[in-house]
Amino acid sequence: MPVLSRPVPRAAAAAFLALAVGTAHAANLTVEVSGARSPQGSVAGALFTSATGWLKPGQAVQGQFVPATDKTVLFFRGLAPGRHALSVYHDENGNAKLDTNPIGMPIEPYGFSRDAQGRMGPPAFDDAAVDVQADTTITIQLR
């Protein structure tokens, strides 16, 4: 019997170690958002990990809506190390979408990580991507 009982503790130790290693590399990203025009509505943030999914509906790996304040902060937890890009907007009227004018230009404040700005459209993923290897804090200015 003692021989049979030895694999169980080893298996348990191996499973614990695998979990510990998997979570040891997870990083947290804190996003400080400035430039909200008022404390009304919410600030929405979407986090993307690839150029293929960048700004496409349903492709964000994490998303948040938090009440707008003069010091709005978004927290993205448990991220795999690597490149991440964010899109943020101030949903002033609370309709859960970025409102635009008749030609498609945003009329609510918005911004991207690395203060990336596109020409005749949103910035490319590579322009907005932030390298997150450990806990990181960034600031996004709404415009």
Protein backbone atom coordinates (compact mmCIF):
# COMPACT_ATOMS: atom_id res chain seq x y z
CA MET A 1 0.00 0.00 0.00
CA PRO A 2 2.70 2.58 0.71
CA VAL A 3 3.85 2.35 -2.92
CA LEU A 4 0.34 3.14 -4.23
CA SER A 5 -0.07 6.13 -1.95
CA ARG A 6 3.10 7.83 -3.21
CA PRO A 7 1.80 8.82 -6.69
CA VAL A 8 -1.19 10.64 -5.23
CA PRO A 9 0.87 13.24 -3.35
CA ARG A 10 3.16 13.61 -6.35
CA ALA A 11 0.20 14.09 -8.67
CA ALA A 12 -1.32 16.63 -6.31
CA ALA A 13 1.98 18.48 -6.06
CA ALA A 14 2.36 18.45 -9.84
CA ALA A 15 -1.17 19.82 -10.32
CA PHE A 16 -0.58 22.55 -7.75
CA LEU A 17 2.71 23.47 -9.36
CA ALA A 18 1.10 23.64 -12.81
CA LEU A 19 -1.57 25.99 -11.48
CA ALA A 20 0.99 28.13 -9.69
CA VAL A 21 3.15 28.43 -12.79
CA GLY A 22 0.13 29.29 -14.93
CA THR A 23 -0.96 32.11 -12.66
CA ALA A 24 2.52 33.39 -11.88
CA HIS A 25 2.81 34.84 -15.36
CA ALA A 26 -0.59 36.56 -15.39
CA ALA A 27 -0.41 40.35 -15.39
CA ASN A 28 -2.82 43.09 -14.45
CA LEU A 29 -3.34 46.25 -16.47
CA THR A 30 -4.63 49.39 -14.77
CA VAL A 31 -5.97 52.05 -17.13
CA GLU A 32 -6.38 55.60 -15.85
CA VAL A 33 -8.83 57.45 -18.09
CA SER A 34 -8.82 61.24 -18.28
CA GLY A 35 -10.79 63.70 -20.35
CA ALA A 36 -14.38 62.70 -19.57
CA ARG A 37 -16.53 65.78 -20.19
CA SER A 38 -18.88 65.09 -17.30
CA PRO A 39 -19.55 62.56 -14.54
CA GLN A 40 -22.64 61.35 -16.43
CA GLY A 41 -22.89 57.97 -18.09
CA SER A 42 -20.18 55.34 -18.19
CA VAL A 43 -16.69 54.82 -19.50
CA ALA A 44 -16.41 51.72 -21.67
CA GLY A 45 -13.13 49.93 -22.29
CA ALA A 46 -12.32 47.00 -24.57
CA LEU A 47 -9.03 45.08 -24.52
CA PHE A 48 -7.74 43.30 -27.62
CA THR A 49 -4.78 40.95 -28.07
CA SER A 50 -4.39 40.73 -31.84
CA ALA A 51 -4.59 42.76 -35.01
CA THR A 52 -7.06 40.29 -36.52
CA GLY A 53 -9.64 40.98 -33.81
CA TRP A 54 -8.82 44.67 -33.27
CA LEU A 55 -12.01 46.74 -32.84
CA LYS A 56 -14.23 43.97 -34.21
CA PRO A 57 -17.50 43.30 -32.36
CA GLY A 58 -17.20 40.34 -30.01
CA GLN A 59 -13.40 40.09 -30.38
CA ALA A 60 -12.34 41.93 -27.21
CA VAL A 61 -10.82 39.55 -24.67
CA GLN A 62 -12.09 41.71 -21.80
CA GLY A 63 -14.48 44.63 -21.62
CA GLN A 64 -15.81 46.94 -18.93
CA PHE A 65 -18.39 49.63 -18.32
CA VAL A 66 -17.71 51.70 -15.20
CA PRO A 67 -19.36 54.90 -13.95
CA ALA A 68 -17.71 58.03 -15.32
CA THR A 69 -15.90 60.10 -12.71
CA ASP A 70 -13.18 62.73 -12.74
CA LYS A 71 -10.70 59.87 -12.08
CA THR A 72 -12.09 56.86 -13.92
CA VAL A 73 -9.97 53.71 -13.62
CA LEU A 74 -10.41 50.41 -15.47
CA PHE A 75 -8.81 47.17 -14.23
CA PHE A 76 -8.01 44.29 -16.57
CA ARG A 77 -6.87 41.25 -14.58
CA GLY A 78 -5.20 37.94 -15.35
CA LEU A 79 -3.73 38.90 -18.71
CA ALA A 80 -1.29 36.68 -20.53
CA PRO A 81 2.01 38.47 -21.08
CA GLY A 82 2.18 40.09 -24.50
CA ARG A 83 0.84 42.93 -26.58
CA HIS A 84 -2.55 44.38 -25.69
CA ALA A 85 -4.39 47.35 -27.21
CA LEU A 86 -7.30 49.25 -25.72
CA SER A 87 -10.20 51.24 -27.05
CA VAL A 88 -12.06 53.46 -24.57
CA TYR A 89 -15.01 55.83 -24.88
CA HIS A 90 -17.22 57.94 -22.62
CA ASP A 91 -20.82 56.76 -23.08
CA GLU A 92 -22.30 60.05 -21.92
CA ASN A 93 -25.94 59.18 -22.59
CA GLY A 94 -25.80 55.61 -21.30
CA ASN A 95 -26.97 53.91 -24.49
CA ALA A 96 -24.05 51.42 -24.45
CA LYS A 97 -22.66 52.50 -27.83
CA LEU A 98 -20.28 55.09 -29.23
CA ASP A 99 -22.54 57.67 -30.84
CA THR A 100 -21.50 59.09 -34.20
CA ASN A 101 -22.60 61.88 -36.51
CA PRO A 102 -24.24 61.19 -39.91
CA ILE A 103 -20.86 60.57 -41.58
CA GLY A 104 -19.67 58.16 -38.89
CA MET A 105 -17.40 60.43 -36.84
CA PRO A 106 -17.64 59.85 -33.07
CA ILE A 107 -19.47 62.56 -31.14
CA GLU A 108 -18.66 61.11 -27.71
CA PRO A 109 -15.11 61.30 -26.29
CA TYR A 110 -12.91 58.31 -27.14
CA GLY A 111 -9.27 57.28 -27.00
CA PHE A 112 -6.81 54.45 -27.53
CA SER A 113 -3.81 53.09 -25.68
CA ARG A 114 -0.49 54.81 -26.46
CA ASP A 115 -2.60 57.83 -27.47
CA ALA A 116 -2.75 56.23 -30.92
CA GLN A 117 -4.69 58.09 -33.57
CA GLY A 118 -5.62 56.94 -37.03
CA ARG A 119 -5.90 58.82 -40.26
CA MET A 120 -9.38 58.72 -41.70
CA GLY A 121 -10.35 56.00 -39.24
CA PRO A 122 -9.15 54.25 -36.10
CA PRO A 123 -5.47 53.53 -35.45
CA ALA A 124 -3.87 50.21 -36.32
CA PHE A 125 -3.46 47.60 -33.58
CA ASP A 126 0.33 47.96 -33.73
CA ASP A 127 0.06 51.71 -33.10
CA ALA A 128 -2.06 51.18 -29.98
CA ALA A 129 -0.43 48.00 -28.63
CA VAL A 130 1.20 48.10 -25.20
CA ASP A 131 3.66 45.40 -24.11
CA VAL A 132 2.40 43.98 -20.80
CA GLN A 133 4.81 41.54 -19.14
CA ALA A 134 4.02 42.39 -15.51
CA ASP A 135 1.53 44.59 -13.67
CA THR A 136 1.32 47.81 -15.69
CA THR A 137 -0.46 51.16 -15.44
CA ILE A 138 -1.22 53.32 -18.47
CA THR A 139 -3.19 56.51 -19.08
CA ILE A 140 -5.67 57.07 -21.89
CA GLN A 141 -6.72 60.60 -22.77
CA LEU A 142 -10.23 60.90 -24.18
CA ARG A 143 -10.66 63.32 -27.08
